[in-house]
Amino acid sequence: MSKRENDSFSIEDLMNSFIKENNLSKGMQKIKVKETWNKMMGPGISNHTSSVKLQNKTLIIQLNSSVLREELSYGKDKIIKMMNEELGETLIVKLMLV
């Protein structure tokens, strides 16, 4: 009978290595950005958000309220800063509200 190796790994370490080995980091970042947007903006803004996309460090938010789009456009820099802080890395450089 073979002996069982007694190496212990955390689930987080195993998931991170799986993500790196299978080149899934960009997809995971996109999911994380969408979740962070909904968390940071709350249900009031999330209900008016049709889509959240991350393309080439540009966060593209599609809103179905022109009034909300105008209001959020005044705080673009603050939104970018808050999102990057919540994500823990600089994934967003530009914010487009469409």
PDB file of N, CA and C in Angstrom:
ATOM      1  N   MET A   1       0.827  -1.179   0.000  1.00  0.00           N
ATOM      2  CA  MET A   1       0.000   0.000   0.000  1.00  0.00           C
ATOM      3  C   MET A   1       0.873   1.245   0.000  1.00  0.00           C
ATOM      4  N   SER A   2       0.515   2.209  -0.787  1.00  0.00           N
ATOM      5  CA  SER A   2       1.316   3.430  -0.823  1.00  0.00           C
ATOM      6  C   SER A   2       0.911   4.362   0.305  1.00  0.00           C
ATOM      7  N   LYS A   3       1.905   5.089   0.774  1.00  0.00           N
ATOM      8  CA  LYS A   3       1.630   6.037   1.848  1.00  0.00           C
ATOM      9  C   LYS A   3       1.012   7.302   1.283  1.00  0.00           C
ATOM     10  N   ARG A   4       0.155   7.869   2.055  1.00  0.00           N
ATOM     11  CA  ARG A   4      -0.512   9.108   1.665  1.00  0.00           C
ATOM     12  C   ARG A   4       0.373  10.283   2.058  1.00  0.00           C
ATOM     13  N   GLU A   5       0.565  11.208   1.124  1.00  0.00           N
ATOM     14  CA  GLU A   5       1.354  12.393   1.437  1.00  0.00           C
ATOM     15  C   GLU A   5       0.578  13.271   2.394  1.00  0.00           C
ATOM     16  N   ASN A   6       1.288  13.861   3.324  1.00  0.00           N
ATOM     17  CA  ASN A   6       0.638  14.645   4.355  1.00  0.00           C
ATOM     18  C   ASN A   6       0.793  16.145   4.090  1.00  0.00           C
ATOM     19  N   ASP A   7       0.755  16.549   2.834  1.00  0.00           N
ATOM     20  CA  ASP A   7       0.813  17.966   2.495  1.00  0.00           C
ATOM     21  C   ASP A   7      -0.587  18.543   2.564  1.00  0.00           C
ATOM     22  N   SER A   8      -0.702  19.662   3.233  1.00  0.00           N
ATOM     23  CA  SER A   8      -2.028  20.284   3.308  1.00  0.00           C
ATOM     24  C   SER A   8      -2.013  21.607   2.550  1.00  0.00           C
ATOM     25  N   PHE A   9      -3.051  21.826   1.806  1.00  0.00           N
ATOM     26  CA  PHE A   9      -3.199  23.039   1.015  1.00  0.00           C
ATOM     27  C   PHE A   9      -4.539  23.663   1.354  1.00  0.00           C
ATOM     28  N   SER A  10      -4.574  24.989   1.351  1.00  0.00           N
ATOM     29  CA  SER A  10      -5.869  25.640   1.575  1.00  0.00           C
ATOM     30  C   SER A  10      -6.659  25.631   0.273  1.00  0.00           C
ATOM     31  N   ILE A  11      -7.948  25.710   0.396  1.00  0.00           N
ATOM     32  CA  ILE A  11      -8.805  25.724  -0.795  1.00  0.00           C
ATOM     33  C   ILE A  11      -8.495  26.945  -1.645  1.00  0.00           C
ATOM     34  N   GLU A  12      -8.212  28.062  -0.993  1.00  0.00           N
ATOM     35  CA  GLU A  12      -7.892  29.293  -1.724  1.00  0.00           C
ATOM     36  C   GLU A  12      -6.646  29.109  -2.582  1.00  0.00           C
ATOM     37  N   ASP A  13      -5.608  28.485  -2.024  1.00  0.00           N
ATOM     38  CA  ASP A  13      -4.383  28.238  -2.788  1.00  0.00           C
ATOM     39  C   ASP A  13      -4.641  27.312  -3.970  1.00  0.00           C
ATOM     40  N   LEU A  14      -5.433  26.277  -3.738  1.00  0.00           N
ATOM     41  CA  LEU A  14      -5.756  25.345  -4.822  1.00  0.00           C
ATOM     42  C   LEU A  14      -6.555  26.030  -5.930  1.00  0.00           C
ATOM     43  N   MET A  15      -7.525  26.869  -5.551  1.00  0.00           N
ATOM     44  CA  MET A  15      -8.326  27.591  -6.549  1.00  0.00           C
ATOM     45  C   MET A  15      -7.462  28.568  -7.339  1.00  0.00           C
ATOM     46  N   ASN A  16      -6.581  29.290  -6.642  1.00  0.00           N
ATOM     47  CA  ASN A  16      -5.703  30.241  -7.331  1.00  0.00           C
ATOM     48  C   ASN A  16      -4.784  29.533  -8.315  1.00  0.00           C
ATOM     49  N   SER A  17      -4.226  28.390  -7.933  1.00  0.00           N
ATOM     50  CA  SER A  17      -3.356  27.663  -8.860  1.00  0.00           C
ATOM     51  C   SER A  17      -4.149  27.115 -10.051  1.00  0.00           C
ATOM     52  N   PHE A  18      -5.391  26.656  -9.809  1.00  0.00           N
ATOM     53  CA  PHE A  18      -6.244  26.177 -10.895  1.00  0.00           C
ATOM     54  C   PHE A  18      -6.557  27.305 -11.870  1.00  0.00           C
ATOM     55  N   ILE A  19      -6.867  28.493 -11.339  1.00  0.00           N
ATOM     56  CA  ILE A  19      -7.188  29.653 -12.184  1.00  0.00           C
ATOM     57  C   ILE A  19      -5.977  30.034 -13.036  1.00  0.00           C
ATOM     58  N   LYS A  20      -4.781  30.040 -12.444  1.00  0.00           N
ATOM     59  CA  LYS A  20      -3.573  30.396 -13.187  1.00  0.00           C
ATOM     60  C   LYS A  20      -3.242  29.359 -14.248  1.00  0.00           C
ATOM     61  N   GLU A  21      -3.339  28.083 -13.900  1.00  0.00           N
ATOM     62  CA  GLU A  21      -3.003  27.007 -14.847  1.00  0.00           C
ATOM     63  C   GLU A  21      -3.930  26.996 -16.056  1.00  0.00           C
ATOM     64  N   ASN A  22      -5.175  27.365 -15.870  1.00  0.00           N
ATOM     65  CA  ASN A  22      -6.151  27.312 -16.955  1.00  0.00           C
ATOM     66  C   ASN A  22      -6.444  28.675 -17.580  1.00  0.00           C
ATOM     67  N   ASN A  23      -5.623  29.674 -17.275  1.00  0.00           N
ATOM     68  CA  ASN A  23      -5.763  31.026 -17.839  1.00  0.00           C
ATOM     69  C   ASN A  23      -7.170  31.595 -17.660  1.00  0.00           C
ATOM     70  N   LEU A  24      -7.689  31.512 -16.448  1.00  0.00           N
ATOM     71  CA  LEU A  24      -9.030  31.997 -16.154  1.00  0.00           C
ATOM     72  C   LEU A  24      -9.032  33.330 -15.404  1.00  0.00           C
ATOM     73  N   SER A  25      -7.874  33.938 -15.216  1.00  0.00           N
ATOM     74  CA  SER A  25      -7.795  35.141 -14.376  1.00  0.00           C
ATOM     75  C   SER A  25      -8.588  36.318 -14.951  1.00  0.00           C
ATOM     76  N   LYS A  26      -8.559  36.510 -16.267  1.00  0.00           N
ATOM     77  CA  LYS A  26      -9.320  37.624 -16.857  1.00  0.00           C
ATOM     78  C   LYS A  26     -10.820  37.438 -16.662  1.00  0.00           C
ATOM     79  N   GLY A  27     -11.308  36.247 -16.851  1.00  0.00           N
ATOM     80  CA  GLY A  27     -12.725  35.964 -16.657  1.00  0.00           C
ATOM     81  C   GLY A  27     -13.142  36.150 -15.209  1.00  0.00           C
ATOM     82  N   MET A  28     -12.280  35.730 -14.297  1.00  0.00           N
ATOM     83  CA  MET A  28     -12.575  35.892 -12.874  1.00  0.00           C
ATOM     84  C   MET A  28     -12.588  37.360 -12.491  1.00  0.00           C
ATOM     85  N   GLN A  29     -11.693  38.157 -13.103  1.00  0.00           N
ATOM     86  CA  GLN A  29     -11.669  39.598 -12.839  1.00  0.00           C
ATOM     87  C   GLN A  29     -12.974  40.244 -13.292  1.00  0.00           C
ATOM     88  N   LYS A  30     -13.481  39.832 -14.437  1.00  0.00           N
ATOM     89  CA  LYS A  30     -14.731  40.402 -14.954  1.00  0.00           C
ATOM     90  C   LYS A  30     -15.900  40.090 -14.022  1.00  0.00           C
ATOM     91  N   ILE A  31     -15.939  38.884 -13.508  1.00  0.00           N
ATOM     92  CA  ILE A  31     -17.003  38.509 -12.571  1.00  0.00           C
ATOM     93  C   ILE A  31     -16.876  39.313 -11.286  1.00  0.00           C
ATOM     94  N   LYS A  32     -15.639  39.455 -10.816  1.00  0.00           N
ATOM     95  CA  LYS A  32     -15.385  40.195  -9.577  1.00  0.00           C
ATOM     96  C   LYS A  32     -15.774  41.661  -9.726  1.00  0.00           C
ATOM     97  N   VAL A  33     -15.506  42.251 -10.891  1.00  0.00           N
ATOM     98  CA  VAL A  33     -15.858  43.649 -11.138  1.00  0.00           C
ATOM     99  C   VAL A  33     -17.370  43.830 -11.102  1.00  0.00           C
ATOM    100  N   LYS A  34     -18.097  42.922 -11.715  1.00  0.00           N
ATOM    101  CA  LYS A  34     -19.562  43.017 -11.728  1.00  0.00           C
ATOM    102  C   LYS A  34     -20.125  42.903 -10.318  1.00  0.00           C
ATOM    103  N   GLU A  35     -19.612  41.952  -9.550  1.00  0.00           N
ATOM    104  CA  GLU A  35     -20.067  41.793  -8.167  1.00  0.00           C
ATOM    105  C   GLU A  35     -19.736  43.027  -7.325  1.00  0.00           C
ATOM    106  N   THR A  36     -18.563  43.588  -7.547  1.00  0.00           N
ATOM    107  CA  THR A  36     -18.143  44.770  -6.792  1.00  0.00           C
ATOM    108  C   THR A  36     -19.012  45.968  -7.141  1.00  0.00           C
ATOM    109  N   TRP A  37     -19.361  46.143  -8.408  1.00  0.00           N
ATOM    110  CA  TRP A  37     -20.240  47.243  -8.824  1.00  0.00           C
ATOM    111  C   TRP A  37     -21.580  47.157  -8.082  1.00  0.00           C
ATOM    112  N   ASN A  38     -22.177  45.975  -8.090  1.00  0.00           N
ATOM    113  CA  ASN A  38     -23.466  45.796  -7.430  1.00  0.00           C
ATOM    114  C   ASN A  38     -23.369  46.023  -5.923  1.00  0.00           C
ATOM    115  N   LYS A  39     -22.273  45.586  -5.339  1.00  0.00           N
ATOM    116  CA  LYS A  39     -22.069  45.757  -3.896  1.00  0.00           C
ATOM    117  C   LYS A  39     -21.847  47.229  -3.543  1.00  0.00           C
ATOM    118  N   MET A  40     -21.005  47.915  -4.297  1.00  0.00           N
ATOM    119  CA  MET A  40     -20.642  49.305  -3.986  1.00  0.00           C
ATOM    120  C   MET A  40     -21.798  50.269  -4.255  1.00  0.00           C
ATOM    121  N   MET A  41     -22.552  50.037  -5.304  1.00  0.00           N
ATOM    122  CA  MET A  41     -23.593  50.974  -5.695  1.00  0.00           C
ATOM    123  C   MET A  41     -24.929  50.712  -5.015  1.00  0.00           C
ATOM    124  N   GLY A  42     -25.108  49.526  -4.503  1.00  0.00           N
ATOM    125  CA  GLY A  42     -26.345  49.216  -3.798  1.00  0.00           C
ATOM    126  C   GLY A  42     -27.486  48.898  -4.744  1.00  0.00           C
ATOM    127  N   PRO A  43     -28.621  48.513  -4.184  1.00  0.00           N
ATOM    128  CA  PRO A  43     -29.745  48.074  -5.017  1.00  0.00           C
ATOM    129  C   PRO A  43     -30.384  49.196  -5.842  1.00  0.00           C
ATOM    130  N   GLY A  44     -30.315  50.432  -5.376  1.00  0.00           N
ATOM    131  CA  GLY A  44     -30.926  51.543  -6.112  1.00  0.00           C
ATOM    132  C   GLY A  44     -30.311  51.744  -7.481  1.00  0.00           C
ATOM    133  N   ILE A  45     -29.000  51.709  -7.549  1.00  0.00           N
ATOM    134  CA  ILE A  45     -28.307  51.898  -8.830  1.00  0.00           C
ATOM    135  C   ILE A  45     -28.229  50.571  -9.588  1.00  0.00           C
ATOM    136  N   SER A  46     -28.065  49.476  -8.883  1.00  0.00           N
ATOM    137  CA  SER A  46     -27.983  48.159  -9.534  1.00  0.00           C
ATOM    138  C   SER A  46     -29.252  47.836 -10.314  1.00  0.00           C
ATOM    139  N   ASN A  47     -30.404  48.276  -9.811  1.00  0.00           N
ATOM    140  CA  ASN A  47     -31.667  48.026 -10.516  1.00  0.00           C
ATOM    141  C   ASN A  47     -31.742  48.768 -11.846  1.00  0.00           C
ATOM    142  N   HIS A  48     -31.010  49.866 -11.977  1.00  0.00           N
ATOM    143  CA  HIS A  48     -31.009  50.647 -13.217  1.00  0.00           C
ATOM    144  C   HIS A  48     -29.810  50.314 -14.110  1.00  0.00           C
ATOM    145  N   THR A  49     -29.008  49.330 -13.710  1.00  0.00           N
ATOM    146  CA  THR A  49     -27.831  48.929 -14.485  1.00  0.00           C
ATOM    147  C   THR A  49     -28.188  47.740 -15.365  1.00  0.00           C
ATOM    148  N   SER A  50     -28.018  47.904 -16.689  1.00  0.00           N
ATOM    149  CA  SER A  50     -28.317  46.816 -17.612  1.00  0.00           C
ATOM    150  C   SER A  50     -27.124  45.893 -17.814  1.00  0.00           C
ATOM    151  N   SER A  51     -25.911  46.458 -17.885  1.00  0.00           N
ATOM    152  CA  SER A  51     -24.740  45.601 -18.069  1.00  0.00           C
ATOM    153  C   SER A  51     -23.501  46.260 -17.483  1.00  0.00           C
ATOM    154  N   VAL A  52     -22.579  45.405 -17.048  1.00  0.00           N
ATOM    155  CA  VAL A  52     -21.294  45.835 -16.498  1.00  0.00           C
ATOM    156  C   VAL A  52     -20.232  45.039 -17.238  1.00  0.00           C
ATOM    157  N   LYS A  53     -19.337  45.733 -17.944  1.00  0.00           N
ATOM    158  CA  LYS A  53     -18.292  45.066 -18.722  1.00  0.00           C
ATOM    159  C   LYS A  53     -16.945  45.690 -18.408  1.00  0.00           C
ATOM    160  N   LEU A  54     -15.919  44.870 -18.402  1.00  0.00           N
ATOM    161  CA  LEU A  54     -14.543  45.335 -18.246  1.00  0.00           C
ATOM    162  C   LEU A  54     -13.791  44.970 -19.520  1.00  0.00           C
ATOM    163  N   GLN A  55     -13.334  46.005 -20.242  1.00  0.00           N
ATOM    164  CA  GLN A  55     -12.595  45.783 -21.484  1.00  0.00           C
ATOM    165  C   GLN A  55     -11.373  46.685 -21.488  1.00  0.00           C
ATOM    166  N   ASN A  56     -10.195  46.085 -21.533  1.00  0.00           N
ATOM    167  CA  ASN A  56      -8.933  46.827 -21.618  1.00  0.00           C
ATOM    168  C   ASN A  56      -8.834  47.923 -20.554  1.00  0.00           C
ATOM    169  N   LYS A  57      -9.086  47.555 -19.310  1.00  0.00           N
ATOM    170  CA  LYS A  57      -9.017  48.462 -18.165  1.00  0.00           C
ATOM    171  C   LYS A  57     -10.046  49.586 -18.213  1.00  0.00           C
ATOM    172  N   THR A  58     -11.067  49.434 -19.054  1.00  0.00           N
ATOM    173  CA  THR A  58     -12.174  50.388 -19.127  1.00  0.00           C
ATOM    174  C   THR A  58     -13.429  49.693 -18.629  1.00  0.00           C
ATOM    175  N   LEU A  59     -14.057  50.291 -17.620  1.00  0.00           N
ATOM    176  CA  LEU A  59     -15.303  49.762 -17.086  1.00  0.00           C
ATOM    177  C   LEU A  59     -16.445  50.427 -17.836  1.00  0.00           C
ATOM    178  N   ILE A  60     -17.247  49.616 -18.512  1.00  0.00           N
ATOM    179  CA  ILE A  60     -18.362  50.115 -19.310  1.00  0.00           C
ATOM    180  C   ILE A  60     -19.657  49.737 -18.593  1.00  0.00           C
ATOM    181  N   ILE A  61     -20.374  50.757 -18.154  1.00  0.00           N
ATOM    182  CA  ILE A  61     -21.621  50.563 -17.423  1.00  0.00           C
ATOM    183  C   ILE A  61     -22.769  51.047 -18.295  1.00  0.00           C
ATOM    184  N   GLN A  62     -23.714  50.172 -18.562  1.00  0.00           N
ATOM    185  CA  GLN A  62     -24.894  50.545 -19.333  1.00  0.00           C
ATOM    186  C   GLN A  62     -26.047  50.758 -18.365  1.00  0.00           C
ATOM    187  N   LEU A  63     -26.568  51.979 -18.365  1.00  0.00           N
ATOM    188  CA  LEU A  63     -27.655  52.358 -17.466  1.00  0.00           C
ATOM    189  C   LEU A  63     -28.916  52.623 -18.273  1.00  0.00           C
ATOM    190  N   ASN A  64     -30.081  52.364 -17.674  1.00  0.00           N
ATOM    191  CA  ASN A  64     -31.338  52.633 -18.367  1.00  0.00           C
ATOM    192  C   ASN A  64     -32.007  53.903 -17.855  1.00  0.00           C
ATOM    193  N   SER A  65     -31.249  54.753 -17.153  1.00  0.00           N
ATOM    194  CA  SER A  65     -31.763  56.022 -16.655  1.00  0.00           C
ATOM    195  C   SER A  65     -30.775  57.134 -17.025  1.00  0.00           C
ATOM    196  N   SER A  66     -31.217  58.048 -17.877  1.00  0.00           N
ATOM    197  CA  SER A  66     -30.335  59.138 -18.303  1.00  0.00           C
ATOM    198  C   SER A  66     -30.014  60.078 -17.138  1.00  0.00           C
ATOM    199  N   VAL A  67     -30.952  60.244 -16.225  1.00  0.00           N
ATOM    200  CA  VAL A  67     -30.730  61.113 -15.069  1.00  0.00           C
ATOM    201  C   VAL A  67     -29.645  60.516 -14.173  1.00  0.00           C
ATOM    202  N   LEU A  68     -29.715  59.229 -13.922  1.00  0.00           N
ATOM    203  CA  LEU A  68     -28.716  58.544 -13.112  1.00  0.00           C
ATOM    204  C   LEU A  68     -27.352  58.579 -13.792  1.00  0.00           C
ATOM    205  N   ARG A  69     -27.328  58.388 -15.094  1.00  0.00           N
ATOM    206  CA  ARG A  69     -26.081  58.445 -15.860  1.00  0.00           C
ATOM    207  C   ARG A  69     -25.414  59.803 -15.680  1.00  0.00           C
ATOM    208  N   GLU A  70     -26.195  60.867 -15.751  1.00  0.00           N
ATOM    209  CA  GLU A  70     -25.656  62.219 -15.593  1.00  0.00           C
ATOM    210  C   GLU A  70     -25.122  62.426 -14.177  1.00  0.00           C
ATOM    211  N   GLU A  71     -25.861  61.969 -13.181  1.00  0.00           N
ATOM    212  CA  GLU A  71     -25.433  62.111 -11.782  1.00  0.00           C
ATOM    213  C   GLU A  71     -24.126  61.365 -11.523  1.00  0.00           C
ATOM    214  N   LEU A  72     -24.027  60.137 -12.017  1.00  0.00           N
ATOM    215  CA  LEU A  72     -22.822  59.342 -11.796  1.00  0.00           C
ATOM    216  C   LEU A  72     -21.623  59.889 -12.556  1.00  0.00           C
ATOM    217  N   SER A  73     -21.856  60.574 -13.665  1.00  0.00           N
ATOM    218  CA  SER A  73     -20.746  61.108 -14.457  1.00  0.00           C
ATOM    219  C   SER A  73     -19.952  62.163 -13.684  1.00  0.00           C
ATOM    220  N   TYR A  74     -20.586  62.813 -12.714  1.00  0.00           N
ATOM    221  CA  TYR A  74     -19.877  63.816 -11.919  1.00  0.00           C
ATOM    222  C   TYR A  74     -18.872  63.187 -10.964  1.00  0.00           C
ATOM    223  N   GLY A  75     -19.050  61.917 -10.619  1.00  0.00           N
ATOM    224  CA  GLY A  75     -18.152  61.268  -9.668  1.00  0.00           C
ATOM    225  C   GLY A  75     -17.358  60.125 -10.261  1.00  0.00           C
ATOM    226  N   LYS A  76     -17.022  60.195 -11.539  1.00  0.00           N
ATOM    227  CA  LYS A  76     -16.315  59.097 -12.208  1.00  0.00           C
ATOM    228  C   LYS A  76     -14.997  58.751 -11.519  1.00  0.00           C
ATOM    229  N   ASP A  77     -14.195  59.772 -11.198  1.00  0.00           N
ATOM    230  CA  ASP A  77     -12.893  59.516 -10.580  1.00  0.00           C
ATOM    231  C   ASP A  77     -13.043  58.838  -9.222  1.00  0.00           C
ATOM    232  N   LYS A  78     -14.030  59.275  -8.465  1.00  0.00           N
ATOM    233  CA  LYS A  78     -14.266  58.688  -7.150  1.00  0.00           C
ATOM    234  C   LYS A  78     -14.730  57.231  -7.284  1.00  0.00           C
ATOM    235  N   ILE A  79     -15.586  56.959  -8.255  1.00  0.00           N
ATOM    236  CA  ILE A  79     -16.068  55.597  -8.487  1.00  0.00           C
ATOM    237  C   ILE A  79     -14.901  54.683  -8.866  1.00  0.00           C
ATOM    238  N   ILE A  80     -14.038  55.146  -9.765  1.00  0.00           N
ATOM    239  CA  ILE A  80     -12.873  54.355 -10.185  1.00  0.00           C
ATOM    240  C   ILE A  80     -11.993  54.042  -8.985  1.00  0.00           C
ATOM    241  N   LYS A  81     -11.728  55.060  -8.176  1.00  0.00           N
ATOM    242  CA  LYS A  81     -10.866  54.883  -6.997  1.00  0.00           C
ATOM    243  C   LYS A  81     -11.483  53.887  -6.014  1.00  0.00           C
ATOM    244  N   MET A  82     -12.777  54.025  -5.727  1.00  0.00           N
ATOM    245  CA  MET A  82     -13.457  53.129  -4.792  1.00  0.00           C
ATOM    246  C   MET A  82     -13.489  51.691  -5.305  1.00  0.00           C
ATOM    247  N   MET A  83     -13.750  51.534  -6.592  1.00  0.00           N
ATOM    248  CA  MET A  83     -13.805  50.186  -7.176  1.00  0.00           C
ATOM    249  C   MET A  83     -12.440  49.509  -7.103  1.00  0.00           C
ATOM    250  N   ASN A  84     -11.377  50.233  -7.468  1.00  0.00           N
ATOM    251  CA  ASN A  84     -10.030  49.663  -7.431  1.00  0.00           C
ATOM    252  C   ASN A  84      -9.619  49.297  -6.007  1.00  0.00           C
ATOM    253  N   GLU A  85      -9.992  50.137  -5.040  1.00  0.00           N
ATOM    254  CA  GLU A  85      -9.677  49.827  -3.647  1.00  0.00           C
ATOM    255  C   GLU A  85     -10.404  48.564  -3.201  1.00  0.00           C
ATOM    256  N   GLU A  86     -11.649  48.428  -3.583  1.00  0.00           N
ATOM    257  CA  GLU A  86     -12.433  47.249  -3.199  1.00  0.00           C
ATOM    258  C   GLU A  86     -11.899  45.987  -3.877  1.00  0.00           C
ATOM    259  N   LEU A  87     -11.437  46.129  -5.127  1.00  0.00           N
ATOM    260  CA  LEU A  87     -10.911  44.986  -5.874  1.00  0.00           C
ATOM    261  C   LEU A  87      -9.510  44.599  -5.405  1.00  0.00           C
ATOM    262  N   GLY A  88      -8.793  45.549  -4.805  1.00  0.00           N
ATOM    263  CA  GLY A  88      -7.459  45.262  -4.304  1.00  0.00           C
ATOM    264  C   GLY A  88      -6.359  45.395  -5.333  1.00  0.00           C
ATOM    265  N   GLU A  89      -6.688  45.847  -6.518  1.00  0.00           N
ATOM    266  CA  GLU A  89      -5.701  46.078  -7.580  1.00  0.00           C
ATOM    267  C   GLU A  89      -6.268  47.067  -8.573  1.00  0.00           C
ATOM    268  N   THR A  90      -5.397  47.650  -9.386  1.00  0.00           N
ATOM    269  CA  THR A  90      -5.838  48.650 -10.353  1.00  0.00           C
ATOM    270  C   THR A  90      -6.275  47.959 -11.633  1.00  0.00           C
ATOM    271  N   LEU A  91      -7.542  47.575 -11.662  1.00  0.00           N
ATOM    272  CA  LEU A  91      -8.113  46.949 -12.853  1.00  0.00           C
ATOM    273  C   LEU A  91      -8.800  47.973 -13.747  1.00  0.00           C
ATOM    274  N   ILE A  92      -9.226  49.091 -13.151  1.00  0.00           N
ATOM    275  CA  ILE A  92     -10.015  50.080 -13.877  1.00  0.00           C
ATOM    276  C   ILE A  92      -9.230  51.389 -13.975  1.00  0.00           C
ATOM    277  N   VAL A  93      -9.093  51.880 -15.203  1.00  0.00           N
ATOM    278  CA  VAL A  93      -8.431  53.159 -15.437  1.00  0.00           C
ATOM    279  C   VAL A  93      -9.427  54.193 -15.939  1.00  0.00           C
ATOM    280  N   LYS A  94     -10.435  53.724 -16.676  1.00  0.00           N
ATOM    281  CA  LYS A  94     -11.419  54.620 -17.291  1.00  0.00           C
ATOM    282  C   LYS A  94     -12.820  54.080 -17.036  1.00  0.00           C
ATOM    283  N   LEU A  95     -13.773  54.984 -16.889  1.00  0.00           N
ATOM    284  CA  LEU A  95     -15.173  54.602 -16.675  1.00  0.00           C
ATOM    285  C   LEU A  95     -16.025  55.230 -17.753  1.00  0.00           C
ATOM    286  N   MET A  96     -16.808  54.393 -18.454  1.00  0.00           N
ATOM    287  CA  MET A  96     -17.739  54.891 -19.466  1.00  0.00           C
ATOM    288  C   MET A  96     -19.154  54.557 -19.022  1.00  0.00           C
ATOM    289  N   LEU A  97     -19.996  55.561 -18.988  1.00  0.00           N
ATOM    290  CA  LEU A  97     -21.402  55.376 -18.648  1.00  0.00           C
ATOM    291  C   LEU A  97     -22.220  55.557 -19.915  1.00  0.00           C
ATOM    292  N   VAL A  98     -22.862  54.487 -20.351  1.00  0.00           N
ATOM    293  CA  VAL A  98     -23.642  54.537 -21.602  1.00  0.00           C
ATOM    294  C   VAL A  98     -25.075  54.155 -21.339  1.00  0.00           C
TER     295      VAL A  98
END
